[in-house]
Amino acid sequence: MEAALVFPFILLCTITLLFVGIYMYQRVYIQQTAITIAERLAFTWDNSHKDILTGNYAPNETDGLYWRLTQDKISDLFGLLVGGGTTQIAIPATDSSNLVERKLAKSAVILPQGITGTAKFTNYALDRQVEVQLNKPFLIPVFIEKWFDAETTSGKGISHVVEPIELIRLTDITRTYFKAIKGRISPQKAREALVEPDRSDLSGPSVTIQSERQAAAYLRSLVGGKEVVLTTLSGKSRTVDALDARGIGHQAFYSMTEFQLRMEQLPKDIELIEQGTQIQGVVWHFFKKGANGKGIPSSSFRKELESKGIVIVIHN
């Protein structure tokens, strides 16, 4: 008789604790998801073409030169620097009318099914924030709902857009040129000067390399160097494809094998590096001979070169 009276109470407590545990798990999951989406949006904010998961993007895919000044909710840049307000969209979003909304809409890629919410971007001029608020329905029995009012679980994540390289660049430009241009141009003229270039491909023209000589010529134009002939400590002659203004020797390789490089080129460059007077460093540039990556040194050979103080650059 006593067990029959106590068992229903114990069963009710067990079920209640079970749903409390499920509710807390879902709440923590929603909170963590909101934080993750906010961090990924802030990380990829400098380029809307970046993959929100990996950050990868093609070099020719950019948002332009002046998007931070004209399309990032900033206003009156050349008068009083103030933030331009807030942009908020519902996610997952189906439509976006401007660059900020398109960036926020990328959150749908990592938004789990069945979860909705809002994504908001606020520009305070000196601080830019991405805020994500998520909600998910929580199914609960009617008899528990009387004591446990929880029809939805929600979570919020806030992340700050940080661009250290851009901050350093802008600070350096401001310190260098602000005094020179102050008072020489009106705010209106400065705004009119912010015109995006017509050419959208900023990666430069593509170059097809088909020989060692062509690779060396391209390398000289790339680093602004000139071909020189040096003599090592042991009296061997070493032709450097491009010696730049800083004394760095750049060498182009297109068809030579690792055996040839190890036996012929590597000993000479090691001597020049150890001598340290004719060149200040050595960079080896490898040019792929095809889509299969032919002509690229193996990982073991790369480690060997790096241990000798030789920098490696791979050209596609």
C-alpha atoms as a PDB file:
ATOM      1  CA  MET A   1       0.000   0.000   0.000  1.00  0.00           C
ATOM      2  CA  GLU A   2       2.806   2.409   0.889  1.00  0.00           C
ATOM      3  CA  ALA A   3       4.688   1.609  -2.361  1.00  0.00           C
ATOM      4  CA  ALA A   4       1.527   2.188  -4.382  1.00  0.00           C
ATOM      5  CA  LEU A   5       1.175   5.629  -2.798  1.00  0.00           C
ATOM      6  CA  VAL A   6       4.843   6.650  -3.107  1.00  0.00           C
ATOM      7  CA  PHE A   7       5.635   5.250  -6.580  1.00  0.00           C
ATOM      8  CA  PRO A   8       3.544   7.796  -8.582  1.00  0.00           C
ATOM      9  CA  PHE A   9       5.267  10.649  -6.754  1.00  0.00           C
ATOM     10  CA  ILE A  10       8.725   9.180  -7.437  1.00  0.00           C
ATOM     11  CA  LEU A  11       7.826   8.625 -11.114  1.00  0.00           C
ATOM     12  CA  LEU A  12       6.598  12.221 -11.454  1.00  0.00           C
ATOM     13  CA  CYS A  13       9.822  13.556  -9.887  1.00  0.00           C
ATOM     14  CA  THR A  14      11.945  11.375 -12.186  1.00  0.00           C
ATOM     15  CA  ILE A  15      10.146  12.563 -15.319  1.00  0.00           C
ATOM     16  CA  THR A  16      10.378  16.174 -14.161  1.00  0.00           C
ATOM     17  CA  LEU A  17      14.127  15.889 -13.550  1.00  0.00           C
ATOM     18  CA  LEU A  18      14.520  14.235 -16.945  1.00  0.00           C
ATOM     19  CA  PHE A  19      12.848  17.140 -18.735  1.00  0.00           C
ATOM     20  CA  VAL A  20      14.791  19.654 -16.663  1.00  0.00           C
ATOM     21  CA  GLY A  21      18.011  17.970 -17.817  1.00  0.00           C
ATOM     22  CA  ILE A  22      16.877  17.989 -21.446  1.00  0.00           C
ATOM     23  CA  TYR A  23      15.882  21.639 -21.154  1.00  0.00           C
ATOM     24  CA  MET A  24      19.236  22.661 -19.686  1.00  0.00           C
ATOM     25  CA  TYR A  25      21.120  20.689 -22.348  1.00  0.00           C
ATOM     26  CA  GLN A  26      19.141  22.362 -25.158  1.00  0.00           C
ATOM     27  CA  ARG A  27      19.647  25.773 -23.581  1.00  0.00           C
ATOM     28  CA  VAL A  28      23.423  25.301 -23.370  1.00  0.00           C
ATOM     29  CA  TYR A  29      23.458  23.981 -26.951  1.00  0.00           C
ATOM     30  CA  ILE A  30      21.565  27.026 -28.253  1.00  0.00           C
ATOM     31  CA  GLN A  31      23.857  29.372 -26.308  1.00  0.00           C
ATOM     32  CA  GLN A  32      27.002  27.729 -27.685  1.00  0.00           C
ATOM     33  CA  THR A  33      25.594  27.763 -31.229  1.00  0.00           C
ATOM     34  CA  ALA A  34      24.836  31.493 -30.973  1.00  0.00           C
ATOM     35  CA  ILE A  35      28.369  32.225 -29.739  1.00  0.00           C
ATOM     36  CA  THR A  36      29.917  30.139 -32.526  1.00  0.00           C
ATOM     37  CA  ILE A  37      27.895  31.853 -35.266  1.00  0.00           C
ATOM     38  CA  ALA A  38      28.729  35.308 -33.883  1.00  0.00           C
ATOM     39  CA  GLU A  39      32.450  34.474 -33.779  1.00  0.00           C
ATOM     40  CA  ARG A  40      32.456  33.070 -37.327  1.00  0.00           C
ATOM     41  CA  LEU A  41      30.608  36.128 -38.676  1.00  0.00           C
ATOM     42  CA  ALA A  42      33.080  38.467 -36.968  1.00  0.00           C
ATOM     43  CA  PHE A  43      36.058  36.430 -38.226  1.00  0.00           C
ATOM     44  CA  THR A  44      34.903  36.592 -41.877  1.00  0.00           C
ATOM     45  CA  TRP A  45      33.537  40.154 -41.719  1.00  0.00           C
ATOM     46  CA  ASP A  46      36.377  41.693 -43.737  1.00  0.00           C
ATOM     47  CA  ASN A  47      35.355  39.769 -46.875  1.00  0.00           C
ATOM     48  CA  SER A  48      31.827  38.600 -47.661  1.00  0.00           C
ATOM     49  CA  HIS A  49      33.245  35.968 -50.030  1.00  0.00           C
ATOM     50  CA  LYS A  50      35.049  34.123 -47.235  1.00  0.00           C
ATOM     51  CA  ASP A  51      33.792  30.672 -46.365  1.00  0.00           C
ATOM     52  CA  ILE A  52      32.208  31.034 -42.929  1.00  0.00           C
ATOM     53  CA  LEU A  53      33.589  27.654 -41.827  1.00  0.00           C
ATOM     54  CA  THR A  54      37.141  27.713 -43.211  1.00  0.00           C
ATOM     55  CA  GLY A  55      37.776  31.370 -44.080  1.00  0.00           C
ATOM     56  CA  ASN A  56      38.942  30.401 -47.590  1.00  0.00           C
ATOM     57  CA  TYR A  57      38.365  32.722 -50.546  1.00  0.00           C
ATOM     58  CA  ALA A  58      39.756  33.363 -54.021  1.00  0.00           C
ATOM     59  CA  PRO A  59      42.248  36.276 -54.319  1.00  0.00           C
ATOM     60  CA  ASN A  60      40.042  38.054 -56.870  1.00  0.00           C
ATOM     61  CA  GLU A  61      36.979  37.942 -54.602  1.00  0.00           C
ATOM     62  CA  THR A  62      36.850  41.174 -52.592  1.00  0.00           C
ATOM     63  CA  ASP A  63      34.290  43.697 -51.364  1.00  0.00           C
ATOM     64  CA  GLY A  64      36.178  46.607 -52.876  1.00  0.00           C
ATOM     65  CA  LEU A  65      38.677  49.084 -51.483  1.00  0.00           C
ATOM     66  CA  TYR A  66      36.335  51.375 -49.538  1.00  0.00           C
ATOM     67  CA  TRP A  67      33.658  49.070 -48.129  1.00  0.00           C
ATOM     68  CA  ARG A  68      34.650  49.947 -44.548  1.00  0.00           C
ATOM     69  CA  LEU A  69      33.876  53.605 -45.280  1.00  0.00           C
ATOM     70  CA  THR A  70      30.821  53.312 -47.512  1.00  0.00           C
ATOM     71  CA  GLN A  71      29.109  49.977 -46.788  1.00  0.00           C
ATOM     72  CA  ASP A  72      29.839  49.164 -43.146  1.00  0.00           C
ATOM     73  CA  LYS A  73      27.314  51.422 -41.406  1.00  0.00           C
ATOM     74  CA  ILE A  74      29.768  54.273 -40.951  1.00  0.00           C
ATOM     75  CA  SER A  75      28.685  57.856 -41.621  1.00  0.00           C
ATOM     76  CA  ASP A  76      30.144  61.348 -41.830  1.00  0.00           C
ATOM     77  CA  LEU A  77      33.661  59.982 -42.026  1.00  0.00           C
ATOM     78  CA  PHE A  78      35.263  63.285 -43.024  1.00  0.00           C
ATOM     79  CA  GLY A  79      33.275  65.353 -40.560  1.00  0.00           C
ATOM     80  CA  LEU A  80      32.516  63.823 -37.172  1.00  0.00           C
ATOM     81  CA  LEU A  81      33.371  60.117 -37.113  1.00  0.00           C
ATOM     82  CA  VAL A  82      30.258  58.371 -35.816  1.00  0.00           C
ATOM     83  CA  GLY A  83      28.654  54.994 -36.203  1.00  0.00           C
ATOM     84  CA  GLY A  84      25.940  54.617 -38.790  1.00  0.00           C
ATOM     85  CA  GLY A  85      23.426  52.628 -36.779  1.00  0.00           C
ATOM     86  CA  THR A  86      22.356  49.017 -36.564  1.00  0.00           C
ATOM     87  CA  THR A  87      21.369  46.394 -39.109  1.00  0.00           C
ATOM     88  CA  GLN A  88      19.318  43.409 -37.977  1.00  0.00           C
ATOM     89  CA  ILE A  89      17.891  40.521 -39.995  1.00  0.00           C
ATOM     90  CA  ALA A  90      15.930  37.398 -39.196  1.00  0.00           C
ATOM     91  CA  ILE A  91      17.828  34.149 -39.714  1.00  0.00           C
ATOM     92  CA  PRO A  92      17.742  32.040 -41.700  1.00  0.00           C
ATOM     93  CA  ALA A  93      17.365  34.924 -44.159  1.00  0.00           C
ATOM     94  CA  THR A  94      16.022  34.556 -47.688  1.00  0.00           C
ATOM     95  CA  ASP A  95      16.759  38.055 -48.980  1.00  0.00           C
ATOM     96  CA  SER A  96      19.419  40.705 -48.402  1.00  0.00           C
ATOM     97  CA  SER A  97      19.596  44.190 -49.862  1.00  0.00           C
ATOM     98  CA  ASN A  98      23.068  45.398 -48.886  1.00  0.00           C
ATOM     99  CA  LEU A  99      26.532  44.174 -47.992  1.00  0.00           C
ATOM    100  CA  VAL A 100      25.956  44.082 -44.231  1.00  0.00           C
ATOM    101  CA  GLU A 101      22.786  42.001 -44.607  1.00  0.00           C
ATOM    102  CA  ARG A 102      24.549  39.595 -46.980  1.00  0.00           C
ATOM    103  CA  LYS A 103      27.296  39.057 -44.420  1.00  0.00           C
ATOM    104  CA  LEU A 104      24.783  38.417 -41.641  1.00  0.00           C
ATOM    105  CA  ALA A 105      22.794  36.050 -43.883  1.00  0.00           C
ATOM    106  CA  LYS A 106      25.834  33.757 -44.175  1.00  0.00           C
ATOM    107  CA  SER A 107      24.960  32.469 -40.705  1.00  0.00           C
ATOM    108  CA  ALA A 108      22.370  30.197 -42.348  1.00  0.00           C
ATOM    109  CA  VAL A 109      25.224  27.932 -43.477  1.00  0.00           C
ATOM    110  CA  ILE A 110      25.965  26.789 -39.922  1.00  0.00           C
ATOM    111  CA  LEU A 111      22.494  27.345 -38.432  1.00  0.00           C
ATOM    112  CA  PRO A 112      21.053  23.976 -37.318  1.00  0.00           C
ATOM    113  CA  GLN A 113      17.653  23.007 -38.666  1.00  0.00           C
ATOM    114  CA  GLY A 114      14.687  24.028 -36.528  1.00  0.00           C
ATOM    115  CA  ILE A 115      16.449  27.001 -34.956  1.00  0.00           C
ATOM    116  CA  THR A 116      15.499  30.585 -35.777  1.00  0.00           C
ATOM    117  CA  GLY A 117      16.554  33.958 -34.478  1.00  0.00           C
ATOM    118  CA  THR A 118      18.129  37.267 -35.419  1.00  0.00           C
ATOM    119  CA  ALA A 119      21.590  38.476 -36.415  1.00  0.00           C
ATOM    120  CA  LYS A 120      22.538  42.075 -35.716  1.00  0.00           C
ATOM    121  CA  PHE A 121      25.523  44.231 -36.633  1.00  0.00           C
ATOM    122  CA  THR A 122      26.269  47.501 -34.852  1.00  0.00           C
ATOM    123  CA  ASN A 123      29.028  49.923 -35.817  1.00  0.00           C
ATOM    124  CA  TYR A 124      30.168  52.196 -32.991  1.00  0.00           C
ATOM    125  CA  ALA A 125      33.027  53.550 -35.144  1.00  0.00           C
ATOM    126  CA  LEU A 126      35.698  52.421 -32.675  1.00  0.00           C
ATOM    127  CA  ASP A 127      33.950  49.130 -31.945  1.00  0.00           C
ATOM    128  CA  ARG A 128      31.977  46.880 -34.279  1.00  0.00           C
ATOM    129  CA  GLN A 129      29.809  44.126 -32.830  1.00  0.00           C
ATOM    130  CA  VAL A 130      27.989  41.116 -34.208  1.00  0.00           C
ATOM    131  CA  GLU A 131      25.144  39.849 -32.041  1.00  0.00           C
ATOM    132  CA  VAL A 132      23.252  36.605 -32.660  1.00  0.00           C
ATOM    133  CA  GLN A 133      20.044  35.715 -30.803  1.00  0.00           C
ATOM    134  CA  LEU A 134      18.678  32.190 -31.326  1.00  0.00           C
ATOM    135  CA  ASN A 135      15.451  30.468 -30.273  1.00  0.00           C
ATOM    136  CA  LYS A 136      14.254  26.878 -30.456  1.00  0.00           C
ATOM    137  CA  PRO A 137      10.864  25.448 -29.401  1.00  0.00           C
ATOM    138  CA  PHE A 138      10.952  23.116 -26.424  1.00  0.00           C
ATOM    139  CA  LEU A 139       8.287  20.435 -26.288  1.00  0.00           C
ATOM    140  CA  ILE A 140       7.116  19.676 -22.763  1.00  0.00           C
ATOM    141  CA  PRO A 141       4.183  17.681 -21.353  1.00  0.00           C
ATOM    142  CA  VAL A 142       1.157  19.708 -20.270  1.00  0.00           C
ATOM    143  CA  PHE A 143       1.226  18.440 -16.689  1.00  0.00           C
ATOM    144  CA  ILE A 144       4.850  19.636 -16.297  1.00  0.00           C
ATOM    145  CA  GLU A 145       4.206  22.950 -18.063  1.00  0.00           C
ATOM    146  CA  LYS A 146       2.032  24.017 -15.114  1.00  0.00           C
ATOM    147  CA  TRP A 147       5.084  24.091 -12.847  1.00  0.00           C
ATOM    148  CA  PHE A 148       7.827  24.548 -15.424  1.00  0.00           C
ATOM    149  CA  ASP A 149       7.151  27.444 -17.804  1.00  0.00           C
ATOM    150  CA  ALA A 150       9.572  26.813 -20.664  1.00  0.00           C
ATOM    151  CA  GLU A 151       8.111  26.660 -24.160  1.00  0.00           C
ATOM    152  CA  THR A 152      11.321  27.836 -25.870  1.00  0.00           C
ATOM    153  CA  THR A 153      15.040  27.880 -25.227  1.00  0.00           C
ATOM    154  CA  SER A 154      17.137  30.848 -26.248  1.00  0.00           C
ATOM    155  CA  GLY A 155      20.771  31.887 -26.394  1.00  0.00           C
ATOM    156  CA  LYS A 156      22.744  34.979 -27.305  1.00  0.00           C
ATOM    157  CA  GLY A 157      26.273  35.429 -28.596  1.00  0.00           C
ATOM    158  CA  ILE A 158      28.218  38.666 -29.082  1.00  0.00           C
ATOM    159  CA  SER A 159      31.540  38.955 -30.881  1.00  0.00           C
ATOM    160  CA  HIS A 160      33.689  41.941 -31.830  1.00  0.00           C
ATOM    161  CA  VAL A 161      35.057  42.488 -35.334  1.00  0.00           C
ATOM    162  CA  VAL A 162      38.824  42.776 -34.964  1.00  0.00           C
ATOM    163  CA  GLU A 163      41.219  43.524 -37.816  1.00  0.00           C
ATOM    164  CA  PRO A 164      44.733  44.037 -36.384  1.00  0.00           C
ATOM    165  CA  ILE A 165      46.437  44.444 -39.774  1.00  0.00           C
ATOM    166  CA  GLU A 166      43.881  46.989 -40.996  1.00  0.00           C
ATOM    167  CA  LEU A 167      44.105  48.916 -37.703  1.00  0.00           C
ATOM    168  CA  ILE A 168      47.900  49.145 -37.953  1.00  0.00           C
ATOM    169  CA  ARG A 169      47.694  50.220 -41.594  1.00  0.00           C
ATOM    170  CA  LEU A 170      45.109  52.936 -40.953  1.00  0.00           C
ATOM    171  CA  THR A 171      46.978  54.199 -37.899  1.00  0.00           C
ATOM    172  CA  ASP A 172      50.208  54.437 -39.880  1.00  0.00           C
ATOM    173  CA  ILE A 173      48.489  56.227 -42.773  1.00  0.00           C
ATOM    174  CA  THR A 174      46.796  58.658 -40.382  1.00  0.00           C
ATOM    175  CA  ARG A 175      50.039  59.485 -38.590  1.00  0.00           C
ATOM    176  CA  THR A 176      51.871  59.954 -41.896  1.00  0.00           C
ATOM    177  CA  TYR A 177      49.422  61.866 -44.085  1.00  0.00           C
ATOM    178  CA  PHE A 178      46.830  63.527 -41.831  1.00  0.00           C
ATOM    179  CA  LYS A 179      48.904  66.659 -41.234  1.00  0.00           C
ATOM    180  CA  ALA A 180      49.764  66.896 -44.928  1.00  0.00           C
ATOM    181  CA  ILE A 181      46.169  66.823 -46.218  1.00  0.00           C
ATOM    182  CA  LYS A 182      44.393  68.591 -43.327  1.00  0.00           C
ATOM    183  CA  GLY A 183      42.708  71.728 -44.624  1.00  0.00           C
ATOM    184  CA  ARG A 184      43.591  71.011 -48.270  1.00  0.00           C
ATOM    185  CA  ILE A 185      40.453  69.082 -49.191  1.00  0.00           C
ATOM    186  CA  SER A 186      36.848  69.551 -48.145  1.00  0.00           C
ATOM    187  CA  PRO A 187      34.757  66.703 -46.659  1.00  0.00           C
ATOM    188  CA  GLN A 188      32.558  66.724 -49.759  1.00  0.00           C
ATOM    189  CA  LYS A 189      35.540  66.356 -52.108  1.00  0.00           C
ATOM    190  CA  ALA A 190      36.928  63.580 -49.925  1.00  0.00           C
ATOM    191  CA  ARG A 191      33.631  61.657 -50.147  1.00  0.00           C
ATOM    192  CA  GLU A 192      33.576  62.067 -53.924  1.00  0.00           C
ATOM    193  CA  ALA A 193      37.081  60.616 -54.113  1.00  0.00           C
ATOM    194  CA  LEU A 194      35.888  57.301 -52.679  1.00  0.00           C
ATOM    195  CA  VAL A 195      35.192  55.695 -56.047  1.00  0.00           C
ATOM    196  CA  GLU A 196      35.657  51.968 -56.387  1.00  0.00           C
ATOM    197  CA  PRO A 197      37.890  50.905 -59.296  1.00  0.00           C
ATOM    198  CA  ASP A 198      36.084  49.571 -62.348  1.00  0.00           C
ATOM    199  CA  ARG A 199      38.197  46.432 -62.395  1.00  0.00           C
ATOM    200  CA  SER A 200      36.885  43.891 -59.919  1.00  0.00           C
ATOM    201  CA  ASP A 201      39.767  41.457 -60.328  1.00  0.00           C
ATOM    202  CA  LEU A 202      42.473  42.875 -58.043  1.00  0.00           C
ATOM    203  CA  SER A 203      44.660  39.775 -58.140  1.00  0.00           C
ATOM    204  CA  GLY A 204      46.530  40.934 -61.243  1.00  0.00           C
ATOM    205  CA  PRO A 205      46.840  39.313 -64.645  1.00  0.00           C
ATOM    206  CA  SER A 206      47.497  35.592 -64.777  1.00  0.00           C
ATOM    207  CA  VAL A 207      50.875  34.445 -66.063  1.00  0.00           C
ATOM    208  CA  THR A 208      51.576  31.057 -67.613  1.00  0.00           C
ATOM    209  CA  ILE A 209      55.075  29.758 -66.897  1.00  0.00           C
ATOM    210  CA  GLN A 210      56.439  27.173 -69.332  1.00  0.00           C
ATOM    211  CA  SER A 211      60.211  27.295 -68.857  1.00  0.00           C
ATOM    212  CA  GLU A 212      62.959  28.003 -66.340  1.00  0.00           C
ATOM    213  CA  ARG A 213      63.977  31.183 -68.187  1.00  0.00           C
ATOM    214  CA  GLN A 214      60.415  32.493 -68.250  1.00  0.00           C
ATOM    215  CA  ALA A 215      60.071  31.770 -64.534  1.00  0.00           C
ATOM    216  CA  ALA A 216      63.274  33.719 -63.805  1.00  0.00           C
ATOM    217  CA  ALA A 217      62.091  36.712 -65.870  1.00  0.00           C
ATOM    218  CA  TYR A 218      58.736  36.728 -64.110  1.00  0.00           C
ATOM    219  CA  LEU A 219      60.497  36.537 -60.734  1.00  0.00           C
ATOM    220  CA  ARG A 220      62.679  39.564 -61.547  1.00  0.00           C
ATOM    221  CA  SER A 221      59.607  41.642 -62.428  1.00  0.00           C
ATOM    222  CA  LEU A 222      57.819  40.402 -59.305  1.00  0.00           C
ATOM    223  CA  VAL A 223      60.503  41.355 -56.754  1.00  0.00           C
ATOM    224  CA  GLY A 224      62.105  44.190 -58.718  1.00  0.00           C
ATOM    225  CA  GLY A 225      65.479  42.431 -58.728  1.00  0.00           C
ATOM    226  CA  LYS A 226      68.266  41.857 -61.187  1.00  0.00           C
ATOM    227  CA  GLU A 227      70.291  38.842 -62.230  1.00  0.00           C
ATOM    228  CA  VAL A 228      73.753  38.705 -60.670  1.00  0.00           C
ATOM    229  CA  VAL A 229      76.625  36.233 -60.629  1.00  0.00           C
ATOM    230  CA  LEU A 230      78.227  35.587 -57.221  1.00  0.00           C
ATOM    231  CA  THR A 231      81.239  33.583 -56.122  1.00  0.00           C
ATOM    232  CA  THR A 232      81.052  31.265 -53.103  1.00  0.00           C
ATOM    233  CA  LEU A 233      83.756  30.776 -50.488  1.00  0.00           C
ATOM    234  CA  SER A 234      84.917  27.655 -52.288  1.00  0.00           C
ATOM    235  CA  GLY A 235      85.287  29.557 -55.568  1.00  0.00           C
ATOM    236  CA  LYS A 236      82.160  28.223 -57.273  1.00  0.00           C
ATOM    237  CA  SER A 237      80.070  30.498 -59.480  1.00  0.00           C
ATOM    238  CA  ARG A 238      76.416  31.021 -58.500  1.00  0.00           C
ATOM    239  CA  THR A 239      73.918  32.825 -60.751  1.00  0.00           C
ATOM    240  CA  VAL A 240      71.120  34.419 -58.758  1.00  0.00           C
ATOM    241  CA  ASP A 241      67.951  34.948 -60.824  1.00  0.00           C
ATOM    242  CA  ALA A 242      66.811  38.047 -58.909  1.00  0.00           C
ATOM    243  CA  LEU A 243      68.683  39.970 -56.222  1.00  0.00           C
ATOM    244  CA  ASP A 244      66.272  42.518 -54.712  1.00  0.00           C
ATOM    245  CA  ALA A 245      67.033  45.876 -53.099  1.00  0.00           C
ATOM    246  CA  ARG A 246      67.268  44.335 -49.619  1.00  0.00           C
ATOM    247  CA  GLY A 247      69.947  41.875 -50.696  1.00  0.00           C
ATOM    248  CA  ILE A 248      67.636  38.843 -50.783  1.00  0.00           C
ATOM    249  CA  GLY A 249      68.480  36.323 -53.498  1.00  0.00           C
ATOM    250  CA  HIS A 250      65.459  34.827 -55.275  1.00  0.00           C
ATOM    251  CA  GLN A 251      65.820  31.684 -57.353  1.00  0.00           C
ATOM    252  CA  ALA A 252      63.202  30.269 -59.765  1.00  0.00           C
ATOM    253  CA  PHE A 253      62.853  26.501 -60.324  1.00  0.00           C
ATOM    254  CA  TYR A 254      60.585  24.933 -62.913  1.00  0.00           C
ATOM    255  CA  SER A 255      62.080  21.700 -64.213  1.00  0.00           C
ATOM    256  CA  MET A 256      65.002  20.758 -61.948  1.00  0.00           C
ATOM    257  CA  THR A 257      64.732  17.595 -59.835  1.00  0.00           C
ATOM    258  CA  GLU A 258      65.354  17.384 -56.097  1.00  0.00           C
ATOM    259  CA  PHE A 259      68.531  15.387 -56.747  1.00  0.00           C
ATOM    260  CA  GLN A 260      69.910  18.180 -58.953  1.00  0.00           C
ATOM    261  CA  LEU A 261      68.947  20.842 -56.449  1.00  0.00           C
ATOM    262  CA  ARG A 262      70.527  18.971 -53.550  1.00  0.00           C
ATOM    263  CA  MET A 263      73.762  18.261 -55.408  1.00  0.00           C
ATOM    264  CA  GLU A 264      74.248  21.482 -57.401  1.00  0.00           C
ATOM    265  CA  GLN A 265      72.288  24.438 -56.037  1.00  0.00           C
ATOM    266  CA  LEU A 266      71.931  23.762 -52.329  1.00  0.00           C
ATOM    267  CA  PRO A 267      75.673  23.638 -51.400  1.00  0.00           C
ATOM    268  CA  LYS A 268      76.317  26.970 -53.129  1.00  0.00           C
ATOM    269  CA  ASP A 269      73.447  28.744 -51.414  1.00  0.00           C
ATOM    270  CA  ILE A 270      74.462  27.350 -48.031  1.00  0.00           C
ATOM    271  CA  GLU A 271      77.916  28.843 -48.523  1.00  0.00           C
ATOM    272  CA  LEU A 272      76.450  32.217 -49.487  1.00  0.00           C
ATOM    273  CA  ILE A 273      74.154  32.198 -46.449  1.00  0.00           C
ATOM    274  CA  GLU A 274      77.002  31.317 -44.104  1.00  0.00           C
ATOM    275  CA  GLN A 275      79.186  34.010 -45.648  1.00  0.00           C
ATOM    276  CA  GLY A 276      76.426  36.612 -45.126  1.00  0.00           C
ATOM    277  CA  THR A 277      78.108  39.437 -47.061  1.00  0.00           C
ATOM    278  CA  GLN A 278      76.996  39.036 -50.671  1.00  0.00           C
ATOM    279  CA  ILE A 279      73.354  38.190 -49.895  1.00  0.00           C
ATOM    280  CA  GLN A 280      71.168  38.643 -46.824  1.00  0.00           C
ATOM    281  CA  GLY A 281      68.942  35.638 -47.449  1.00  0.00           C
ATOM    282  CA  VAL A 282      67.798  33.079 -50.023  1.00  0.00           C
ATOM    283  CA  VAL A 283      64.285  32.383 -51.293  1.00  0.00           C
ATOM    284  CA  TRP A 284      63.538  29.469 -53.601  1.00  0.00           C
ATOM    285  CA  HIS A 285      60.464  29.865 -55.817  1.00  0.00           C
ATOM    286  CA  PHE A 286      58.924  26.689 -57.233  1.00  0.00           C
ATOM    287  CA  PHE A 287      56.506  26.907 -60.166  1.00  0.00           C
ATOM    288  CA  LYS A 288      53.990  24.108 -60.701  1.00  0.00           C
ATOM    289  CA  LYS A 289      54.171  22.356 -64.051  1.00  0.00           C
ATOM    290  CA  GLY A 290      50.557  21.161 -63.970  1.00  0.00           C
ATOM    291  CA  ALA A 291      47.396  20.701 -61.944  1.00  0.00           C
ATOM    292  CA  ASN A 292      48.850  17.548 -60.383  1.00  0.00           C
ATOM    293  CA  GLY A 293      51.460  19.613 -58.579  1.00  0.00           C
ATOM    294  CA  LYS A 294      54.421  18.301 -60.586  1.00  0.00           C
ATOM    295  CA  GLY A 295      57.606  20.217 -59.841  1.00  0.00           C
ATOM    296  CA  ILE A 296      56.743  20.921 -56.216  1.00  0.00           C
ATOM    297  CA  PRO A 297      59.311  19.693 -53.667  1.00  0.00           C
ATOM    298  CA  SER A 298      58.394  16.934 -51.254  1.00  0.00           C
ATOM    299  CA  SER A 299      57.655  17.698 -47.601  1.00  0.00           C
ATOM    300  CA  SER A 300      60.930  16.125 -46.483  1.00  0.00           C
ATOM    301  CA  PHE A 301      62.930  18.262 -48.919  1.00  0.00           C
ATOM    302  CA  ARG A 302      61.078  21.379 -47.778  1.00  0.00           C
ATOM    303  CA  LYS A 303      61.997  20.660 -44.170  1.00  0.00           C
ATOM    304  CA  GLU A 304      65.622  20.163 -45.220  1.00  0.00           C
ATOM    305  CA  LEU A 305      65.663  23.517 -47.030  1.00  0.00           C
ATOM    306  CA  GLU A 306      64.026  25.318 -44.106  1.00  0.00           C
ATOM    307  CA  SER A 307      66.566  23.843 -41.705  1.00  0.00           C
ATOM    308  CA  LYS A 308      69.314  25.332 -43.901  1.00  0.00           C
ATOM    309  CA  GLY A 309      67.728  28.789 -43.732  1.00  0.00           C
ATOM    310  CA  ILE A 310      66.166  28.800 -47.214  1.00  0.00           C
ATOM    311  CA  VAL A 311      62.638  30.195 -47.559  1.00  0.00           C
ATOM    312  CA  ILE A 312      60.249  28.356 -49.912  1.00  0.00           C
ATOM    313  CA  VAL A 313      57.513  29.941 -52.034  1.00  0.00           C
ATOM    314  CA  ILE A 314      55.102  27.878 -54.156  1.00  0.00           C
ATOM    315  CA  HIS A 315      53.579  29.518 -57.239  1.00  0.00           C
ATOM    316  CA  ASN A 316      50.372  28.099 -58.761  1.00  0.00           C
END
